[in-house]
Amino acid sequence: MKLYNTIKINNHSYYINDEDGDSCYLIIGNTHALLIDLGLFKEPLLPTIKNITNKELIIVCTHGHFDHIGTIKEFKEETIYLSHRDRDIYYDNAHIIKELSLIDFNQIKDLKNHQQIELGNFEIEVLALPGHTPGSMIFLDRQNKCIYTGDAIGSGCGVWLQLFHSLDLKTYHTALQQTIDYLEKQRVDDTWHFWGGHNQQEIQSKISAYNKLDFVLMKDLEQLCLKLINSQITGIKNSAPTFDDNQAYYASYGKAEIIYQKNSL
């Protein structure tokens, strides 16, 4: 059995990467451990988690795509959360990846905006950031000055909004504005660490050789949305899949990149 690549990122947290570059995170409190995302299904994930901690697990998925819920059946005895706005996406996965083994969605608890997840000596706050999917969530860890963003703002080489179930740019822009305003009130700044759903993508950006995910990128993303909506920036054709035969387009501003469809403007 091949184990995942595991790196300790602070006193309480681990970054876990699978062979396809899908990133999971384990945050350990004094009573519970929180596992953010479940990667693909090619390697068993649970043994890697058990090698790190025996604390009672809480599972949260940033959104419903197969590369973030892939090993979910391994954790069927644990408490699992995923926004119920991604219910249809969750079941669509089985049509895209035939080998994927899912649990009944009724076993999955809903995630709510500003929900607090208690780990004993500290808590993690859930923030809704719909766009990439209707139910995309990010997770705020004040104790360790970390934010776990899944695919909600991309992972360094652009957020995917071109998918047929992604939301329109105006809705995404509003969500970004609200999230940025809230994070600023929480005194989040450029010293905080942002951890995305596919960390290797920080070296796949068209903007620079290394485009680190951070608060500056999130703010640039909000501006890029606004400029696209107001026709101040025009995208160029892109080969990213849309799964509905429509053309994808690419645009950038500052550190931010977006893949989108024109009908989402």
Protein backbone atom coordinates (compact mmCIF):
# COMPACT_ATOMS: atom_id res chain seq x y z
CA MET A 1 0.00 0.00 0.00
CA LYS A 2 1.37 3.39 -0.99
CA LEU A 3 1.04 6.06 1.67
CA TYR A 4 0.23 9.67 0.97
CA ASN A 5 2.85 12.41 1.14
CA THR A 6 2.38 14.03 4.56
CA ILE A 7 3.92 17.31 5.75
CA LYS A 8 3.43 18.96 9.15
CA ILE A 9 2.61 22.62 8.53
CA ASN A 10 2.21 23.85 12.13
CA ASN A 11 1.86 22.47 15.67
CA HIS A 12 -1.68 21.25 15.03
CA SER A 13 -1.97 20.63 11.29
CA TYR A 14 -0.83 18.38 8.46
CA TYR A 15 -0.90 18.72 4.68
CA ILE A 16 -1.61 15.40 2.94
CA ASN A 17 -1.16 15.05 -0.81
CA ASP A 18 -2.17 12.10 -3.00
CA GLU A 19 -0.39 10.92 -6.15
CA ASP A 20 -2.71 13.00 -8.36
CA GLY A 21 -1.97 16.24 -6.51
CA ASP A 22 -5.22 16.38 -4.54
CA SER A 23 -4.68 18.06 -1.17
CA CYS A 24 -6.25 17.07 2.16
CA TYR A 25 -5.63 18.65 5.56
CA LEU A 26 -5.74 17.27 9.09
CA ILE A 27 -6.17 19.69 12.02
CA ILE A 28 -5.81 18.16 15.49
CA GLY A 29 -7.39 19.61 18.63
CA ASN A 30 -7.29 18.12 22.12
CA THR A 31 -10.61 16.27 21.72
CA HIS A 32 -11.26 15.94 17.98
CA ALA A 33 -9.38 15.99 14.67
CA LEU A 34 -10.80 17.66 11.57
CA LEU A 35 -10.06 16.18 8.14
CA ILE A 36 -10.65 18.62 5.29
CA ASP A 37 -11.32 16.84 1.97
CA LEU A 38 -10.86 13.20 1.01
CA GLY A 39 -8.88 13.25 -2.25
CA LEU A 40 -9.35 10.65 -4.97
CA PHE A 41 -10.00 6.96 -4.38
CA LYS A 42 -6.80 5.37 -5.75
CA GLU A 43 -5.16 4.87 -2.33
CA PRO A 44 -6.78 4.16 1.06
CA LEU A 45 -6.59 7.37 3.09
CA LEU A 46 -7.74 6.20 6.53
CA PRO A 47 -4.50 4.32 7.42
CA THR A 48 -2.50 7.50 6.83
CA ILE A 49 -4.82 9.45 9.13
CA LYS A 50 -4.62 6.77 11.83
CA ASN A 51 -0.81 6.90 11.66
CA ILE A 52 -1.04 10.57 12.67
CA THR A 53 -3.86 10.61 15.23
CA ASN A 54 -6.38 8.42 17.04
CA LYS A 55 -8.59 11.38 17.97
CA GLU A 56 -12.27 11.18 17.04
CA LEU A 57 -12.58 12.39 13.45
CA ILE A 58 -14.85 15.00 11.93
CA ILE A 59 -14.83 15.06 8.11
CA VAL A 60 -15.62 18.16 6.05
CA CYS A 61 -15.55 18.36 2.26
CA THR A 62 -14.96 21.76 0.69
CA HIS A 63 -17.31 20.84 -2.16
CA GLY A 64 -18.82 17.84 -3.92
CA HIS A 65 -16.37 17.07 -6.74
CA PHE A 66 -14.98 13.53 -6.99
CA ASP A 67 -11.38 14.57 -6.25
CA HIS A 68 -12.49 15.94 -2.88
CA ILE A 69 -14.85 13.14 -1.76
CA GLY A 70 -13.15 10.15 -3.39
CA THR A 71 -12.39 8.06 -0.29
CA ILE A 72 -15.66 8.89 1.48
CA LYS A 73 -16.73 5.26 1.91
CA GLU A 74 -13.66 4.59 4.08
CA PHE A 75 -15.01 7.13 6.56
CA LYS A 76 -18.66 6.04 6.60
CA GLU A 77 -18.53 5.45 10.38
CA GLU A 78 -17.34 9.03 11.01
CA THR A 79 -19.28 12.31 11.10
CA ILE A 80 -19.15 13.72 7.56
CA TYR A 81 -20.19 17.21 6.43
CA LEU A 82 -20.75 18.57 2.90
CA SER A 83 -22.98 21.44 1.81
CA HIS A 84 -26.29 20.00 0.66
CA ARG A 85 -26.25 22.54 -2.18
CA ASP A 86 -23.79 20.13 -3.84
CA ARG A 87 -26.09 17.10 -3.59
CA ASP A 88 -26.60 16.79 -7.39
CA ILE A 89 -22.87 17.22 -8.02
CA TYR A 90 -22.15 14.49 -5.46
CA TYR A 91 -24.30 11.98 -7.34
CA ASP A 92 -23.10 13.15 -10.78
CA ASN A 93 -19.62 11.95 -9.78
CA ALA A 94 -20.68 8.32 -10.14
CA HIS A 95 -21.52 8.93 -13.81
CA ILE A 96 -18.12 10.54 -14.45
CA ILE A 97 -15.98 8.08 -12.46
CA LYS A 98 -17.47 4.58 -12.64
CA GLU A 99 -15.05 3.18 -10.03
CA LEU A 100 -16.09 5.74 -7.42
CA SER A 101 -17.80 4.25 -4.37
CA LEU A 102 -20.14 6.63 -2.52
CA ILE A 103 -22.23 6.51 0.62
CA ASP A 104 -25.90 7.49 0.74
CA PHE A 105 -26.18 11.28 0.81
CA ASN A 106 -28.59 11.05 3.75
CA GLN A 107 -25.60 10.01 5.88
CA ILE A 108 -23.93 13.36 5.17
CA LYS A 109 -24.64 16.37 7.38
CA ASP A 110 -25.15 19.81 5.89
CA LEU A 111 -22.54 22.57 6.26
CA LYS A 112 -23.80 26.05 7.13
CA ASN A 113 -22.24 29.48 6.73
CA HIS A 114 -20.53 30.58 9.98
CA GLN A 115 -20.93 27.12 11.51
CA GLN A 116 -18.37 26.45 14.24
CA ILE A 117 -16.60 23.08 14.40
CA GLU A 118 -15.30 22.38 17.90
CA LEU A 119 -11.98 20.55 18.25
CA GLY A 120 -11.68 20.98 22.02
CA ASN A 121 -9.12 23.70 22.63
CA PHE A 122 -10.02 25.69 19.51
CA GLU A 123 -12.62 25.81 16.75
CA ILE A 124 -12.79 26.10 12.97
CA GLU A 125 -15.31 28.42 11.32
CA VAL A 126 -17.10 27.48 8.10
CA LEU A 127 -17.58 30.21 5.48
CA ALA A 128 -19.70 29.81 2.35
CA LEU A 129 -18.00 30.90 -0.88
CA PRO A 130 -20.25 29.67 -3.72
CA GLY A 131 -19.00 29.90 -7.29
CA HIS A 132 -16.87 26.94 -8.32
CA THR A 133 -19.83 24.92 -7.08
CA PRO A 134 -23.04 26.13 -5.38
CA GLY A 135 -21.93 24.59 -2.08
CA SER A 136 -18.25 25.54 -1.99
CA MET A 137 -17.00 26.24 1.54
CA ILE A 138 -13.77 27.52 3.07
CA PHE A 139 -12.52 26.97 6.62
CA LEU A 140 -11.08 29.60 8.96
CA ASP A 141 -8.54 28.47 11.59
CA ARG A 142 -7.81 31.49 13.81
CA GLN A 143 -5.64 29.46 16.20
CA ASN A 144 -3.06 28.75 13.49
CA LYS A 145 -3.78 31.69 11.13
CA CYS A 146 -4.73 29.37 8.28
CA ILE A 147 -7.56 29.36 5.74
CA TYR A 148 -8.40 26.18 3.82
CA THR A 149 -10.05 27.10 0.54
CA GLY A 150 -10.50 23.91 -1.51
CA ASP A 151 -11.14 25.03 -5.10
CA ALA A 152 -13.19 28.11 -4.12
CA ILE A 153 -10.49 30.58 -5.24
CA GLY A 154 -8.38 28.17 -7.29
CA SER A 155 -5.08 26.81 -6.05
CA GLY A 156 -2.68 29.25 -7.70
CA CYS A 157 -3.47 28.81 -11.39
CA GLY A 158 -7.05 30.03 -11.64
CA VAL A 159 -10.50 29.27 -10.28
CA TRP A 160 -12.70 27.09 -12.48
CA LEU A 161 -16.08 28.76 -13.09
CA GLN A 162 -16.56 27.28 -16.58
CA LEU A 163 -18.21 24.06 -15.38
CA PHE A 164 -21.90 23.67 -16.24
CA HIS A 165 -22.87 23.68 -12.54
CA SER A 166 -20.66 26.65 -11.59
CA LEU A 167 -22.41 29.88 -10.65
CA ASP A 168 -22.42 33.10 -12.67
CA LEU A 169 -19.75 35.74 -12.16
CA LYS A 170 -22.06 38.26 -10.47
CA THR A 171 -23.04 35.74 -7.81
CA TYR A 172 -19.42 34.75 -7.32
CA HIS A 173 -18.32 38.38 -7.12
CA THR A 174 -20.89 39.11 -4.41
CA ALA A 175 -19.74 36.05 -2.44
CA LEU A 176 -16.11 37.15 -2.74
CA GLN A 177 -16.94 40.67 -1.56
CA GLN A 178 -18.79 39.35 1.48
CA THR A 179 -16.02 36.90 2.32
CA ILE A 180 -13.23 39.48 1.98
CA ASP A 181 -15.16 41.97 4.14
CA TYR A 182 -15.69 39.34 6.83
CA LEU A 183 -12.06 38.18 6.77
CA GLU A 184 -10.84 41.76 7.12
CA LYS A 185 -13.08 42.17 10.18
CA GLN A 186 -11.43 39.03 11.57
CA ARG A 187 -8.06 40.76 11.03
CA VAL A 188 -6.95 38.32 8.36
CA ASP A 189 -3.99 39.79 6.49
CA ASP A 190 -1.06 38.77 4.30
CA THR A 191 0.61 36.92 7.20
CA TRP A 192 -2.07 34.22 7.12
CA HIS A 193 -1.50 30.99 5.19
CA PHE A 194 -4.00 29.98 2.51
CA TRP A 195 -4.15 26.27 1.64
CA GLY A 196 -5.90 25.22 -1.59
CA GLY A 197 -7.29 21.99 -2.94
CA HIS A 198 -4.36 21.24 -5.29
CA ASN A 199 -1.21 22.86 -3.96
CA GLN A 200 1.01 21.79 -6.87
CA GLN A 201 -0.98 24.22 -9.04
CA GLU A 202 0.93 27.13 -7.51
CA ILE A 203 3.65 26.32 -10.07
CA GLN A 204 1.19 26.01 -13.00
CA SER A 205 0.09 29.63 -13.22
CA LYS A 206 0.35 31.58 -16.48
CA ILE A 207 1.18 34.69 -14.44
CA SER A 208 4.39 33.64 -12.70
CA ALA A 209 6.56 30.61 -12.00
CA TYR A 210 5.19 30.45 -8.46
CA ASN A 211 1.81 32.04 -7.76
CA LYS A 212 1.20 31.47 -4.05
CA LEU A 213 -2.38 31.40 -2.81
CA ASP A 214 -2.92 34.31 -0.40
CA PHE A 215 -5.20 37.19 0.60
CA VAL A 216 -3.79 39.40 -2.17
CA LEU A 217 -4.85 36.82 -4.76
CA MET A 218 -8.36 36.67 -3.27
CA LYS A 219 -8.71 40.46 -3.48
CA ASP A 220 -7.39 40.45 -7.07
CA LEU A 221 -9.96 37.78 -7.88
CA GLU A 222 -12.77 40.05 -6.68
CA GLN A 223 -11.45 42.84 -8.91
CA LEU A 224 -11.08 40.49 -11.88
CA CYS A 225 -14.72 39.43 -11.55
CA LEU A 226 -15.82 43.06 -11.48
CA LYS A 227 -13.73 43.96 -14.53
CA LEU A 228 -15.12 41.01 -16.50
CA ILE A 229 -18.69 41.91 -15.54
CA ASN A 230 -18.11 45.54 -16.61
CA SER A 231 -16.33 44.49 -19.86
CA GLN A 232 -13.09 46.17 -18.75
CA ILE A 233 -11.25 42.91 -19.39
CA THR A 234 -11.89 40.48 -22.25
CA GLY A 235 -11.03 36.82 -21.87
CA ILE A 236 -9.29 34.60 -24.41
CA LYS A 237 -10.32 31.11 -25.49
CA ASN A 238 -9.16 28.29 -23.24
CA SER A 239 -9.13 24.50 -23.60
CA ALA A 240 -10.43 23.72 -20.09
CA PRO A 241 -13.39 21.29 -20.07
CA THR A 242 -16.92 22.60 -19.55
CA PHE A 243 -18.80 19.28 -19.86
CA ASP A 244 -21.58 20.99 -21.83
CA ASP A 245 -19.79 21.65 -25.17
CA ASN A 246 -19.56 25.41 -24.58
CA GLN A 247 -16.30 27.31 -25.02
CA ALA A 248 -14.20 28.15 -21.96
CA TYR A 249 -12.40 31.50 -21.63
CA TYR A 250 -9.41 32.64 -19.55
CA ALA A 251 -8.78 36.04 -17.96
CA SER A 252 -6.28 37.38 -15.42
CA TYR A 253 -5.68 40.43 -13.25
CA GLY A 254 -2.85 40.88 -10.75
CA LYS A 255 -2.34 37.45 -9.16
CA ALA A 256 -5.83 36.23 -10.07
CA GLU A 257 -6.94 33.97 -12.91
CA ILE A 258 -10.44 32.79 -13.86
CA ILE A 259 -11.68 30.20 -16.34
CA TYR A 260 -15.31 30.94 -17.23
CA GLN A 261 -18.02 30.77 -19.89
CA LYS A 262 -19.33 33.90 -21.60
CA ASN A 263 -22.89 33.01 -20.64
CA SER A 264 -21.87 33.40 -16.97
CA LEU A 265 -21.17 37.14 -17.39
